[in-house]
């Protein structure tokens, strides 16, 4: 008998629709029970688009008895929404970041940090590529990781990826950042394709994060790198015995240096009729990651979002630890704020033990 994870959402922006869309894609495993909308027009739009009930108050939302509530609201609104849900005894998944500035993070932690009711949305490490790299690292193939370059996504997401690869938990960090501006064509953005794209000034932010014990993170992000097809993503993880460069793993063996790829099995290519999706990844002849959503044809990012929702559901039902704690989210946003401050001022910024540590 199907027992889908039941969640409700506060907010009607694109982030909230991300989650509702996952429930529509896999209704036997995920169920969006209701969405809290502030306006009648937004409520009507969501109901028409996704056939999901809408309400106006948290009390009415909680009446649907979700396993947890997703707070997908603006940065200024997030802390108070989380506080209100925790006060009602509701388990929460806050979208990133849980608060805007460092003092707000501290205040939120002091109010709800010990409640055990808050997780934060961070799906990136559940994407096939990152999950596969973590599996290779976990097998000790490249030895002890010593550096991780993330040229992919921004700030707190990038630092979450770095810390996972390096095993840096709440360790102090010295952050050194700089900004560089140069012209770049930007043909695709959140609003869609540009009609006549021309080079415009775009900022590249580069920062090093010294976590101590020889561990270093390298942050490299260009404005709109998420969307711009002219700027590739790049992941480099170096260890004592070798390195991972995107999907290529080089390490020292008894026969000398050897390079092996992380291989993807993708269906729907050429005359394959199984459907268009990624099935698994493998390394040196062994499967290291399997798509838990085969049959849904979800994109890689959607796979990660859906997987994160089920992980939060397992936590909410006391079946598993939480996938990404409020403390972890606060730490990653503190590191992201330090990157911005150092790049702005040209001075090193030290992130030391905080209240959530």
C-alpha atoms as a PDB file:
ATOM      1  CA  UNK A   1       0.000   0.000   0.000  1.00  0.00           C
ATOM      2  CA  UNK A   2       1.348   3.420  -0.939  1.00  0.00           C
ATOM      3  CA  UNK A   3       2.286   5.720   1.944  1.00  0.00           C
ATOM      4  CA  UNK A   4       3.614   8.873   0.281  1.00  0.00           C
ATOM      5  CA  UNK A   5       5.509  11.551   2.139  1.00  0.00           C
ATOM      6  CA  UNK A   6       2.982  14.292   2.858  1.00  0.00           C
ATOM      7  CA  UNK A   7       4.193  17.879   2.795  1.00  0.00           C
ATOM      8  CA  UNK A   8       2.638  21.324   2.725  1.00  0.00           C
ATOM      9  CA  UNK A   9       4.175  24.512   1.364  1.00  0.00           C
ATOM     10  CA  UNK A  10       4.124  28.134   2.471  1.00  0.00           C
ATOM     11  CA  UNK A  11       4.736  30.408  -0.503  1.00  0.00           C
ATOM     12  CA  UNK A  12       3.772  30.528  -4.157  1.00  0.00           C
ATOM     13  CA  UNK A  13       7.027  31.409  -5.942  1.00  0.00           C
ATOM     14  CA  UNK A  14       9.113  29.248  -8.248  1.00  0.00           C
ATOM     15  CA  UNK A  15      10.730  27.444  -5.318  1.00  0.00           C
ATOM     16  CA  UNK A  16       7.399  26.269  -3.960  1.00  0.00           C
ATOM     17  CA  UNK A  17       6.308  25.083  -7.404  1.00  0.00           C
ATOM     18  CA  UNK A  18       9.533  23.053  -7.663  1.00  0.00           C
ATOM     19  CA  UNK A  19       8.311  20.878  -4.804  1.00  0.00           C
ATOM     20  CA  UNK A  20       4.694  20.649  -5.914  1.00  0.00           C
ATOM     21  CA  UNK A  21       5.915  19.575  -9.345  1.00  0.00           C
ATOM     22  CA  UNK A  22       7.840  16.674  -7.753  1.00  0.00           C
ATOM     23  CA  UNK A  23       4.650  15.451  -6.113  1.00  0.00           C
ATOM     24  CA  UNK A  24       2.867  15.528  -9.464  1.00  0.00           C
ATOM     25  CA  UNK A  25       5.712  13.533 -11.025  1.00  0.00           C
ATOM     26  CA  UNK A  26       5.671  10.794  -8.359  1.00  0.00           C
ATOM     27  CA  UNK A  27       2.284  10.861  -6.585  1.00  0.00           C
ATOM     28  CA  UNK A  28       2.740   7.376  -5.126  1.00  0.00           C
ATOM     29  CA  UNK A  29       5.786   8.615  -3.157  1.00  0.00           C
ATOM     30  CA  UNK A  30       5.225  12.347  -2.637  1.00  0.00           C
ATOM     31  CA  UNK A  31       2.022  14.236  -1.883  1.00  0.00           C
ATOM     32  CA  UNK A  32       1.630  18.018  -1.720  1.00  0.00           C
ATOM     33  CA  UNK A  33      -1.364  18.247   0.614  1.00  0.00           C
ATOM     34  CA  UNK A  34      -1.810  22.047   0.535  1.00  0.00           C
ATOM     35  CA  UNK A  35      -0.150  25.377  -0.253  1.00  0.00           C
ATOM     36  CA  UNK A  36      -0.516  28.554   1.773  1.00  0.00           C
ATOM     37  CA  UNK A  37      -1.038  31.505  -0.593  1.00  0.00           C
ATOM     38  CA  UNK A  38      -1.263  35.153   0.443  1.00  0.00           C
ATOM     39  CA  UNK A  39      -3.465  36.311  -2.436  1.00  0.00           C
ATOM     40  CA  UNK A  40      -6.562  35.006  -4.165  1.00  0.00           C
ATOM     41  CA  UNK A  41      -4.959  35.308  -7.598  1.00  0.00           C
ATOM     42  CA  UNK A  42      -1.957  33.201  -6.589  1.00  0.00           C
ATOM     43  CA  UNK A  43      -4.220  30.628  -4.984  1.00  0.00           C
ATOM     44  CA  UNK A  44      -6.285  30.328  -8.162  1.00  0.00           C
ATOM     45  CA  UNK A  45      -3.150  30.065 -10.305  1.00  0.00           C
ATOM     46  CA  UNK A  46      -1.643  27.261  -8.217  1.00  0.00           C
ATOM     47  CA  UNK A  47      -4.888  25.315  -8.008  1.00  0.00           C
ATOM     48  CA  UNK A  48      -5.336  25.537 -11.775  1.00  0.00           C
ATOM     49  CA  UNK A  49      -1.730  24.606 -12.516  1.00  0.00           C
ATOM     50  CA  UNK A  50      -1.196  21.786 -10.007  1.00  0.00           C
ATOM     51  CA  UNK A  51      -4.627  20.830  -8.648  1.00  0.00           C
ATOM     52  CA  UNK A  52      -3.458  21.432  -5.074  1.00  0.00           C
ATOM     53  CA  UNK A  53      -5.634  22.861  -2.254  1.00  0.00           C
ATOM     54  CA  UNK A  54      -4.727  26.371  -1.099  1.00  0.00           C
ATOM     55  CA  UNK A  55      -5.251  28.033   2.288  1.00  0.00           C
ATOM     56  CA  UNK A  56      -4.574  31.426   3.859  1.00  0.00           C
ATOM     57  CA  UNK A  57      -3.273  30.625   7.360  1.00  0.00           C
ATOM     58  CA  UNK A  58      -0.738  28.323   8.979  1.00  0.00           C
ATOM     59  CA  UNK A  59      -3.509  26.933  11.183  1.00  0.00           C
ATOM     60  CA  UNK A  60      -5.468  25.841   8.111  1.00  0.00           C
ATOM     61  CA  UNK A  61      -2.289  24.449   6.520  1.00  0.00           C
ATOM     62  CA  UNK A  62      -1.423  22.336   9.562  1.00  0.00           C
ATOM     63  CA  UNK A  63      -4.988  20.968   9.595  1.00  0.00           C
ATOM     64  CA  UNK A  64      -4.028  18.877   6.538  1.00  0.00           C
ATOM     65  CA  UNK A  65      -1.604  16.965   8.852  1.00  0.00           C
ATOM     66  CA  UNK A  66       1.499  17.054   6.677  1.00  0.00           C
ATOM     67  CA  UNK A  67       4.626  15.208   7.760  1.00  0.00           C
ATOM     68  CA  UNK A  68       6.407  18.546   7.435  1.00  0.00           C
ATOM     69  CA  UNK A  69       5.909  22.048   6.084  1.00  0.00           C
ATOM     70  CA  UNK A  70       8.206  23.667   3.536  1.00  0.00           C
ATOM     71  CA  UNK A  71       8.839  27.362   4.155  1.00  0.00           C
ATOM     72  CA  UNK A  72       9.489  28.736   0.662  1.00  0.00           C
ATOM     73  CA  UNK A  73       9.254  32.449   1.408  1.00  0.00           C
ATOM     74  CA  UNK A  74      11.481  35.486   0.972  1.00  0.00           C
ATOM     75  CA  UNK A  75      14.743  35.880   2.890  1.00  0.00           C
ATOM     76  CA  UNK A  76      13.331  38.637   5.169  1.00  0.00           C
ATOM     77  CA  UNK A  77      10.235  36.549   5.965  1.00  0.00           C
ATOM     78  CA  UNK A  78      11.960  33.199   6.509  1.00  0.00           C
ATOM     79  CA  UNK A  79      13.072  33.486  10.175  1.00  0.00           C
ATOM     80  CA  UNK A  80       9.643  34.525  11.479  1.00  0.00           C
ATOM     81  CA  UNK A  81       7.840  31.859   9.443  1.00  0.00           C
ATOM     82  CA  UNK A  82      10.183  29.208  10.832  1.00  0.00           C
ATOM     83  CA  UNK A  83       9.649  30.510  14.372  1.00  0.00           C
ATOM     84  CA  UNK A  84       5.866  30.416  13.942  1.00  0.00           C
ATOM     85  CA  UNK A  85       5.912  26.837  12.655  1.00  0.00           C
ATOM     86  CA  UNK A  86       8.208  25.660  15.446  1.00  0.00           C
ATOM     87  CA  UNK A  87       5.977  27.377  18.020  1.00  0.00           C
ATOM     88  CA  UNK A  88       3.097  25.345  16.593  1.00  0.00           C
ATOM     89  CA  UNK A  89       5.125  22.145  17.043  1.00  0.00           C
ATOM     90  CA  UNK A  90       5.415  21.585  13.288  1.00  0.00           C
ATOM     91  CA  UNK A  91       8.438  20.011  11.600  1.00  0.00           C
ATOM     92  CA  UNK A  92       9.896  22.417   9.077  1.00  0.00           C
ATOM     93  CA  UNK A  93      11.997  22.344   5.937  1.00  0.00           C
ATOM     94  CA  UNK A  94      13.200  25.907   5.414  1.00  0.00           C
ATOM     95  CA  UNK A  95      14.501  26.885   2.023  1.00  0.00           C
ATOM     96  CA  UNK A  96      18.039  28.301   1.861  1.00  0.00           C
ATOM     97  CA  UNK A  97      19.218  30.427   3.471  1.00  0.00           C
ATOM     98  CA  UNK A  98      17.279  30.245   6.759  1.00  0.00           C
ATOM     99  CA  UNK A  99      18.046  33.943   7.474  1.00  0.00           C
ATOM    100  CA  UNK A 100      19.757  36.777   5.615  1.00  0.00           C
ATOM    101  CA  UNK A 101      22.573  38.083   7.826  1.00  0.00           C
ATOM    102  CA  UNK A 102      24.850  36.699  10.514  1.00  0.00           C
ATOM    103  CA  UNK A 103      23.023  38.313  13.439  1.00  0.00           C
ATOM    104  CA  UNK A 104      19.717  36.954  12.095  1.00  0.00           C
ATOM    105  CA  UNK A 105      21.194  33.447  11.837  1.00  0.00           C
ATOM    106  CA  UNK A 106      22.332  33.664  15.466  1.00  0.00           C
ATOM    107  CA  UNK A 107      18.950  34.949  16.606  1.00  0.00           C
ATOM    108  CA  UNK A 108      17.075  32.212  14.737  1.00  0.00           C
ATOM    109  CA  UNK A 109      19.356  29.527  16.155  1.00  0.00           C
ATOM    110  CA  UNK A 110      18.890  30.845  19.701  1.00  0.00           C
ATOM    111  CA  UNK A 111      15.119  30.701  19.237  1.00  0.00           C
ATOM    112  CA  UNK A 112      14.655  27.333  17.478  1.00  0.00           C
ATOM    113  CA  UNK A 113      18.022  25.615  17.184  1.00  0.00           C
ATOM    114  CA  UNK A 114      17.444  23.185  20.016  1.00  0.00           C
ATOM    115  CA  UNK A 115      13.881  22.347  18.995  1.00  0.00           C
ATOM    116  CA  UNK A 116      14.918  19.494  16.711  1.00  0.00           C
ATOM    117  CA  UNK A 117      12.152  20.568  14.345  1.00  0.00           C
ATOM    118  CA  UNK A 118      14.078  22.271  11.546  1.00  0.00           C
ATOM    119  CA  UNK A 119      15.864  20.986   8.457  1.00  0.00           C
ATOM    120  CA  UNK A 120      16.942  23.149   5.518  1.00  0.00           C
ATOM    121  CA  UNK A 121      16.712  22.490   1.776  1.00  0.00           C
ATOM    122  CA  UNK A 122      20.053  21.546   0.199  1.00  0.00           C
ATOM    123  CA  UNK A 123      19.710  19.023  -2.596  1.00  0.00           C
ATOM    124  CA  UNK A 124      22.992  19.444  -4.472  1.00  0.00           C
ATOM    125  CA  UNK A 125      24.838  16.550  -2.829  1.00  0.00           C
ATOM    126  CA  UNK A 126      22.046  14.211  -3.970  1.00  0.00           C
ATOM    127  CA  UNK A 127      22.634  15.018  -7.637  1.00  0.00           C
ATOM    128  CA  UNK A 128      24.116  12.034  -9.519  1.00  0.00           C
ATOM    129  CA  UNK A 129      27.506  13.650 -10.134  1.00  0.00           C
ATOM    130  CA  UNK A 130      28.142  14.887  -6.601  1.00  0.00           C
ATOM    131  CA  UNK A 131      26.741  11.716  -5.033  1.00  0.00           C
ATOM    132  CA  UNK A 132      29.048   9.647  -7.249  1.00  0.00           C
ATOM    133  CA  UNK A 133      32.105  11.744  -6.357  1.00  0.00           C
ATOM    134  CA  UNK A 134      31.285  11.366  -2.676  1.00  0.00           C
ATOM    135  CA  UNK A 135      31.057   7.596  -3.167  1.00  0.00           C
ATOM    136  CA  UNK A 136      34.502   7.505  -4.820  1.00  0.00           C
ATOM    137  CA  UNK A 137      35.957   9.641  -2.032  1.00  0.00           C
ATOM    138  CA  UNK A 138      34.334   7.361   0.546  1.00  0.00           C
ATOM    139  CA  UNK A 139      36.099   4.366  -0.981  1.00  0.00           C
ATOM    140  CA  UNK A 140      39.442   6.058  -0.357  1.00  0.00           C
ATOM    141  CA  UNK A 141      40.376   6.034  -4.045  1.00  0.00           C
ATOM    142  CA  UNK A 142      42.082   9.455  -3.976  1.00  0.00           C
ATOM    143  CA  UNK A 143      43.216   9.143  -0.368  1.00  0.00           C
ATOM    144  CA  UNK A 144      42.530  11.975   2.057  1.00  0.00           C
ATOM    145  CA  UNK A 145      40.848  14.911   0.268  1.00  0.00           C
ATOM    146  CA  UNK A 146      42.882  18.086   0.635  1.00  0.00           C
ATOM    147  CA  UNK A 147      41.252  20.581  -1.737  1.00  0.00           C
ATOM    148  CA  UNK A 148      37.934  21.046  -3.494  1.00  0.00           C
ATOM    149  CA  UNK A 149      37.262  23.511  -6.297  1.00  0.00           C
ATOM    150  CA  UNK A 150      33.609  24.297  -6.968  1.00  0.00           C
ATOM    151  CA  UNK A 151      32.878  26.334 -10.097  1.00  0.00           C
ATOM    152  CA  UNK A 152      29.202  25.535 -10.362  1.00  0.00           C
ATOM    153  CA  UNK A 153      26.768  27.199  -8.020  1.00  0.00           C
ATOM    154  CA  UNK A 154      26.809  30.120  -5.624  1.00  0.00           C
ATOM    155  CA  UNK A 155      27.821  30.846  -2.035  1.00  0.00           C
ATOM    156  CA  UNK A 156      26.076  28.620   0.565  1.00  0.00           C
ATOM    157  CA  UNK A 157      25.365  25.849  -1.954  1.00  0.00           C
ATOM    158  CA  UNK A 158      29.004  25.824  -3.053  1.00  0.00           C
ATOM    159  CA  UNK A 159      30.314  25.780   0.520  1.00  0.00           C
ATOM    160  CA  UNK A 160      28.002  22.868   1.388  1.00  0.00           C
ATOM    161  CA  UNK A 161      29.531  20.901  -1.495  1.00  0.00           C
ATOM    162  CA  UNK A 162      33.077  21.857  -0.447  1.00  0.00           C
ATOM    163  CA  UNK A 163      32.590  20.909   3.189  1.00  0.00           C
ATOM    164  CA  UNK A 164      31.144  17.531   2.212  1.00  0.00           C
ATOM    165  CA  UNK A 165      34.049  16.700  -0.103  1.00  0.00           C
ATOM    166  CA  UNK A 166      36.639  17.812   2.454  1.00  0.00           C
ATOM    167  CA  UNK A 167      34.964  16.461   5.573  1.00  0.00           C
ATOM    168  CA  UNK A 168      35.016  19.971   7.062  1.00  0.00           C
ATOM    169  CA  UNK A 169      32.186  20.118   9.565  1.00  0.00           C
ATOM    170  CA  UNK A 170      32.075  23.185  11.843  1.00  0.00           C
ATOM    171  CA  UNK A 171      35.786  23.893  11.443  1.00  0.00           C
ATOM    172  CA  UNK A 172      37.084  27.446  11.508  1.00  0.00           C
ATOM    173  CA  UNK A 173      37.902  28.903   8.107  1.00  0.00           C
ATOM    174  CA  UNK A 174      39.913  31.839   6.770  1.00  0.00           C
ATOM    175  CA  UNK A 175      38.243  33.220   3.653  1.00  0.00           C
ATOM    176  CA  UNK A 176      40.096  35.279   1.044  1.00  0.00           C
ATOM    177  CA  UNK A 177      37.982  36.602  -1.834  1.00  0.00           C
ATOM    178  CA  UNK A 178      38.281  38.900  -4.847  1.00  0.00           C
ATOM    179  CA  UNK A 179      35.961  40.100  -7.620  1.00  0.00           C
ATOM    180  CA  UNK A 180      36.769  40.617 -11.308  1.00  0.00           C
ATOM    181  CA  UNK A 181      34.526  42.185 -13.941  1.00  0.00           C
ATOM    182  CA  UNK A 182      34.701  41.461 -17.672  1.00  0.00           C
ATOM    183  CA  UNK A 183      32.274  41.459 -20.622  1.00  0.00           C
ATOM    184  CA  UNK A 184      30.370  38.262 -21.312  1.00  0.00           C
ATOM    185  CA  UNK A 185      27.480  37.283 -23.575  1.00  0.00           C
ATOM    186  CA  UNK A 186      24.590  36.033 -21.438  1.00  0.00           C
ATOM    187  CA  UNK A 187      22.088  34.384 -23.813  1.00  0.00           C
ATOM    188  CA  UNK A 188      19.912  32.565 -21.262  1.00  0.00           C
ATOM    189  CA  UNK A 189      18.573  33.748 -17.901  1.00  0.00           C
ATOM    190  CA  UNK A 190      15.737  33.030 -15.510  1.00  0.00           C
ATOM    191  CA  UNK A 191      13.326  34.879 -17.823  1.00  0.00           C
ATOM    192  CA  UNK A 192      14.371  32.836 -20.874  1.00  0.00           C
ATOM    193  CA  UNK A 193      16.480  33.355 -24.009  1.00  0.00           C
ATOM    194  CA  UNK A 194      17.677  36.840 -24.928  1.00  0.00           C
ATOM    195  CA  UNK A 195      16.543  38.104 -28.341  1.00  0.00           C
ATOM    196  CA  UNK A 196      19.851  39.754 -29.283  1.00  0.00           C
ATOM    197  CA  UNK A 197      22.444  38.919 -26.610  1.00  0.00           C
ATOM    198  CA  UNK A 198      25.471  41.223 -26.474  1.00  0.00           C
ATOM    199  CA  UNK A 199      28.478  41.238 -24.116  1.00  0.00           C
ATOM    200  CA  UNK A 200      27.740  42.933 -20.787  1.00  0.00           C
ATOM    201  CA  UNK A 201      29.848  43.380 -17.636  1.00  0.00           C
ATOM    202  CA  UNK A 202      29.695  40.218 -15.522  1.00  0.00           C
ATOM    203  CA  UNK A 203      31.404  39.616 -12.208  1.00  0.00           C
ATOM    204  CA  UNK A 204      33.521  36.602 -11.364  1.00  0.00           C
ATOM    205  CA  UNK A 205      34.016  35.970  -7.642  1.00  0.00           C
ATOM    206  CA  UNK A 206      36.963  33.824  -6.614  1.00  0.00           C
ATOM    207  CA  UNK A 207      37.744  32.869  -3.026  1.00  0.00           C
ATOM    208  CA  UNK A 208      39.891  30.446  -1.095  1.00  0.00           C
ATOM    209  CA  UNK A 209      38.600  28.892   2.105  1.00  0.00           C
ATOM    210  CA  UNK A 210      41.324  27.602   4.425  1.00  0.00           C
ATOM    211  CA  UNK A 211      39.738  25.006   6.722  1.00  0.00           C
ATOM    212  CA  UNK A 212      43.042  24.109   8.387  1.00  0.00           C
ATOM    213  CA  UNK A 213      44.881  20.780   8.413  1.00  0.00           C
ATOM    214  CA  UNK A 214      45.909  21.386   4.793  1.00  0.00           C
ATOM    215  CA  UNK A 215      42.302  21.499   3.532  1.00  0.00           C
ATOM    216  CA  UNK A 216      41.377  24.217   1.066  1.00  0.00           C
ATOM    217  CA  UNK A 217      38.206  25.105  -0.800  1.00  0.00           C
ATOM    218  CA  UNK A 218      38.338  27.137  -4.017  1.00  0.00           C
ATOM    219  CA  UNK A 219      35.192  29.057  -4.917  1.00  0.00           C
ATOM    220  CA  UNK A 220      34.788  30.270  -8.494  1.00  0.00           C
ATOM    221  CA  UNK A 221      31.464  31.686  -9.650  1.00  0.00           C
ATOM    222  CA  UNK A 222      30.417  33.909 -12.570  1.00  0.00           C
ATOM    223  CA  UNK A 223      27.208  35.941 -12.528  1.00  0.00           C
ATOM    224  CA  UNK A 224      24.354  33.750 -13.843  1.00  0.00           C
ATOM    225  CA  UNK A 225      26.585  30.682 -14.109  1.00  0.00           C
ATOM    226  CA  UNK A 226      23.535  28.549 -13.263  1.00  0.00           C
ATOM    227  CA  UNK A 227      21.887  29.437 -16.575  1.00  0.00           C
ATOM    228  CA  UNK A 228      24.547  30.677 -18.972  1.00  0.00           C
ATOM    229  CA  UNK A 229      25.365  27.839 -21.419  1.00  0.00           C
ATOM    230  CA  UNK A 230      28.673  29.547 -22.262  1.00  0.00           C
ATOM    231  CA  UNK A 231      30.098  28.853 -18.800  1.00  0.00           C
ATOM    232  CA  UNK A 232      30.631  25.205 -17.878  1.00  0.00           C
ATOM    233  CA  UNK A 233      30.592  23.774 -14.377  1.00  0.00           C
ATOM    234  CA  UNK A 234      33.863  22.416 -13.001  1.00  0.00           C
ATOM    235  CA  UNK A 235      34.534  20.263  -9.942  1.00  0.00           C
ATOM    236  CA  UNK A 236      38.083  19.353  -8.892  1.00  0.00           C
ATOM    237  CA  UNK A 237      38.756  17.337  -5.732  1.00  0.00           C
ATOM    238  CA  UNK A 238      42.400  16.653  -4.936  1.00  0.00           C
ATOM    239  CA  UNK A 239      43.606  14.088  -2.425  1.00  0.00           C
ATOM    240  CA  UNK A 240      46.786  12.511  -1.138  1.00  0.00           C
ATOM    241  CA  UNK A 241      46.631   9.686  -3.717  1.00  0.00           C
ATOM    242  CA  UNK A 242      45.058  11.376  -6.727  1.00  0.00           C
ATOM    243  CA  UNK A 243      42.257  13.655  -7.865  1.00  0.00           C
ATOM    244  CA  UNK A 244      38.772  13.820  -9.351  1.00  0.00           C
ATOM    245  CA  UNK A 245      38.256  16.287 -12.209  1.00  0.00           C
ATOM    246  CA  UNK A 246      34.555  16.381 -13.024  1.00  0.00           C
ATOM    247  CA  UNK A 247      33.962  12.698 -13.915  1.00  0.00           C
ATOM    248  CA  UNK A 248      37.601  11.614 -14.389  1.00  0.00           C
ATOM    249  CA  UNK A 249      39.375   9.931 -11.459  1.00  0.00           C
ATOM    250  CA  UNK A 250      43.180   9.715 -11.473  1.00  0.00           C
ATOM    251  CA  UNK A 251      45.042   7.910  -8.717  1.00  0.00           C
ATOM    252  CA  UNK A 252      48.275   6.077  -8.029  1.00  0.00           C
ATOM    253  CA  UNK A 253      48.176   2.271  -8.195  1.00  0.00           C
ATOM    254  CA  UNK A 254      50.813  -0.473  -8.026  1.00  0.00           C
ATOM    255  CA  UNK A 255      51.005  -0.195 -11.831  1.00  0.00           C
ATOM    256  CA  UNK A 256      51.488   3.566 -11.776  1.00  0.00           C
ATOM    257  CA  UNK A 257      49.044   6.461 -12.349  1.00  0.00           C
ATOM    258  CA  UNK A 258      45.665   5.287 -13.669  1.00  0.00           C
ATOM    259  CA  UNK A 259      42.668   7.325 -14.854  1.00  0.00           C
ATOM    260  CA  UNK A 260      39.145   5.900 -14.806  1.00  0.00           C
ATOM    261  CA  UNK A 261      35.885   7.677 -15.625  1.00  0.00           C
ATOM    262  CA  UNK A 262      32.697   7.811 -13.610  1.00  0.00           C
ATOM    263  CA  UNK A 263      30.308   6.353 -16.195  1.00  0.00           C
ATOM    264  CA  UNK A 264      26.622   7.207 -16.598  1.00  0.00           C
ATOM    265  CA  UNK A 265      24.079   4.751 -17.922  1.00  0.00           C
ATOM    266  CA  UNK A 266      21.539   6.870 -19.772  1.00  0.00           C
ATOM    267  CA  UNK A 267      18.560   5.376 -21.557  1.00  0.00           C
ATOM    268  CA  UNK A 268      16.656   6.841 -24.467  1.00  0.00           C
ATOM    269  CA  UNK A 269      19.849   7.318 -26.501  1.00  0.00           C
ATOM    270  CA  UNK A 270      19.859   6.310 -30.181  1.00  0.00           C
ATOM    271  CA  UNK A 271      17.572   3.237 -30.518  1.00  0.00           C
ATOM    272  CA  UNK A 272      17.142   2.577 -26.802  1.00  0.00           C
ATOM    273  CA  UNK A 273      13.408   2.645 -26.021  1.00  0.00           C
ATOM    274  CA  UNK A 274      13.533   2.498 -22.191  1.00  0.00           C
ATOM    275  CA  UNK A 275      12.751   6.185 -21.753  1.00  0.00           C
ATOM    276  CA  UNK A 276      14.994   9.230 -21.483  1.00  0.00           C
ATOM    277  CA  UNK A 277      16.668   9.234 -18.063  1.00  0.00           C
ATOM    278  CA  UNK A 278      19.827   8.460 -16.132  1.00  0.00           C
ATOM    279  CA  UNK A 279      19.693   4.985 -14.555  1.00  0.00           C
ATOM    280  CA  UNK A 280      22.930   4.684 -12.609  1.00  0.00           C
ATOM    281  CA  UNK A 281      26.587   5.644 -12.423  1.00  0.00           C
ATOM    282  CA  UNK A 282      29.506   3.257 -12.141  1.00  0.00           C
ATOM    283  CA  UNK A 283      33.214   3.362 -11.413  1.00  0.00           C
ATOM    284  CA  UNK A 284      35.739   0.647 -12.237  1.00  0.00           C
ATOM    285  CA  UNK A 285      32.950  -1.801 -13.056  1.00  0.00           C
ATOM    286  CA  UNK A 286      30.839  -1.247  -9.926  1.00  0.00           C
ATOM    287  CA  UNK A 287      27.614   0.735  -9.620  1.00  0.00           C
ATOM    288  CA  UNK A 288      28.149   3.584  -7.139  1.00  0.00           C
ATOM    289  CA  UNK A 289      24.827   5.459  -7.501  1.00  0.00           C
ATOM    290  CA  UNK A 290      21.340   4.390  -8.591  1.00  0.00           C
ATOM    291  CA  UNK A 291      18.497   6.646  -9.636  1.00  0.00           C
ATOM    292  CA  UNK A 292      15.727   6.074  -7.082  1.00  0.00           C
ATOM    293  CA  UNK A 293      13.230   7.711  -9.449  1.00  0.00           C
ATOM    294  CA  UNK A 294      13.560   5.571 -12.572  1.00  0.00           C
ATOM    295  CA  UNK A 295      10.330   5.796 -14.532  1.00  0.00           C
ATOM    296  CA  UNK A 296       9.660   9.458 -13.726  1.00  0.00           C
ATOM    297  CA  UNK A 297      12.109  10.847 -16.321  1.00  0.00           C
ATOM    298  CA  UNK A 298      13.140  13.590 -13.893  1.00  0.00           C
ATOM    299  CA  UNK A 299      16.141  15.788 -14.654  1.00  0.00           C
ATOM    300  CA  UNK A 300      19.223  15.386 -12.472  1.00  0.00           C
ATOM    301  CA  UNK A 301      18.351  18.405 -10.336  1.00  0.00           C
ATOM    302  CA  UNK A 302      14.768  17.185  -9.974  1.00  0.00           C
ATOM    303  CA  UNK A 303      16.071  13.765  -8.902  1.00  0.00           C
ATOM    304  CA  UNK A 304      18.007  15.516  -6.144  1.00  0.00           C
ATOM    305  CA  UNK A 305      15.012  17.629  -5.054  1.00  0.00           C
ATOM    306  CA  UNK A 306      12.683  14.613  -4.948  1.00  0.00           C
ATOM    307  CA  UNK A 307      15.292  12.576  -3.071  1.00  0.00           C
ATOM    308  CA  UNK A 308      15.750  15.385  -0.559  1.00  0.00           C
ATOM    309  CA  UNK A 309      11.990  15.549   0.044  1.00  0.00           C
ATOM    310  CA  UNK A 310      11.866  11.820   0.805  1.00  0.00           C
ATOM    311  CA  UNK A 311      14.874  12.190   3.122  1.00  0.00           C
ATOM    312  CA  UNK A 312      13.135  15.001   5.009  1.00  0.00           C
ATOM    313  CA  UNK A 313      10.009  12.846   5.134  1.00  0.00           C
ATOM    314  CA  UNK A 314      11.965   9.974   6.704  1.00  0.00           C
ATOM    315  CA  UNK A 315      13.374  12.424   9.269  1.00  0.00           C
ATOM    316  CA  UNK A 316       9.915  13.862   9.976  1.00  0.00           C
ATOM    317  CA  UNK A 317       8.596  10.337  10.597  1.00  0.00           C
ATOM    318  CA  UNK A 318      11.540   9.563  12.925  1.00  0.00           C
ATOM    319  CA  UNK A 319      12.828   6.929  10.508  1.00  0.00           C
ATOM    320  CA  UNK A 320      16.209   8.509   9.725  1.00  0.00           C
ATOM    321  CA  UNK A 321      18.492  11.408  10.658  1.00  0.00           C
ATOM    322  CA  UNK A 322      17.853  14.724   8.988  1.00  0.00           C
ATOM    323  CA  UNK A 323      19.617  15.270   5.647  1.00  0.00           C
ATOM    324  CA  UNK A 324      20.761  18.877   6.233  1.00  0.00           C
ATOM    325  CA  UNK A 325      20.419  20.485   9.636  1.00  0.00           C
ATOM    326  CA  UNK A 326      19.752  24.092  10.561  1.00  0.00           C
ATOM    327  CA  UNK A 327      23.270  24.197  12.034  1.00  0.00           C
ATOM    328  CA  UNK A 328      24.805  23.080   8.728  1.00  0.00           C
ATOM    329  CA  UNK A 329      22.756  25.649   6.815  1.00  0.00           C
ATOM    330  CA  UNK A 330      23.798  28.436   9.178  1.00  0.00           C
ATOM    331  CA  UNK A 331      27.455  27.432   8.815  1.00  0.00           C
ATOM    332  CA  UNK A 332      27.306  27.399   5.022  1.00  0.00           C
ATOM    333  CA  UNK A 333      25.565  30.763   4.831  1.00  0.00           C
ATOM    334  CA  UNK A 334      28.113  32.227   7.271  1.00  0.00           C
ATOM    335  CA  UNK A 335      30.871  31.025   4.924  1.00  0.00           C
ATOM    336  CA  UNK A 336      29.020  32.478   1.937  1.00  0.00           C
ATOM    337  CA  UNK A 337      28.658  35.832   3.699  1.00  0.00           C
ATOM    338  CA  UNK A 338      32.393  35.731   4.456  1.00  0.00           C
ATOM    339  CA  UNK A 339      33.133  35.186   0.740  1.00  0.00           C
ATOM    340  CA  UNK A 340      31.068  38.253  -0.145  1.00  0.00           C
ATOM    341  CA  UNK A 341      32.617  40.378   2.613  1.00  0.00           C
ATOM    342  CA  UNK A 342      36.189  39.441   1.710  1.00  0.00           C
ATOM    343  CA  UNK A 343      35.586  40.008  -2.006  1.00  0.00           C
ATOM    344  CA  UNK A 344      34.043  43.401  -1.219  1.00  0.00           C
ATOM    345  CA  UNK A 345      36.705  44.619   1.239  1.00  0.00           C
ATOM    346  CA  UNK A 346      39.797  42.869  -0.112  1.00  0.00           C
ATOM    347  CA  UNK A 347      40.578  41.587   3.398  1.00  0.00           C
ATOM    348  CA  UNK A 348      40.646  38.094   4.894  1.00  0.00           C
ATOM    349  CA  UNK A 349      37.567  37.111   6.906  1.00  0.00           C
ATOM    350  CA  UNK A 350      37.767  34.476   9.641  1.00  0.00           C
ATOM    351  CA  UNK A 351      34.731  32.299  10.364  1.00  0.00           C
ATOM    352  CA  UNK A 352      35.047  30.916  13.881  1.00  0.00           C
ATOM    353  CA  UNK A 353      32.874  28.755  16.134  1.00  0.00           C
ATOM    354  CA  UNK A 354      29.316  30.057  16.240  1.00  0.00           C
ATOM    355  CA  UNK A 355      26.340  29.367  18.506  1.00  0.00           C
ATOM    356  CA  UNK A 356      25.171  26.549  16.202  1.00  0.00           C
ATOM    357  CA  UNK A 357      28.594  24.838  16.337  1.00  0.00           C
END
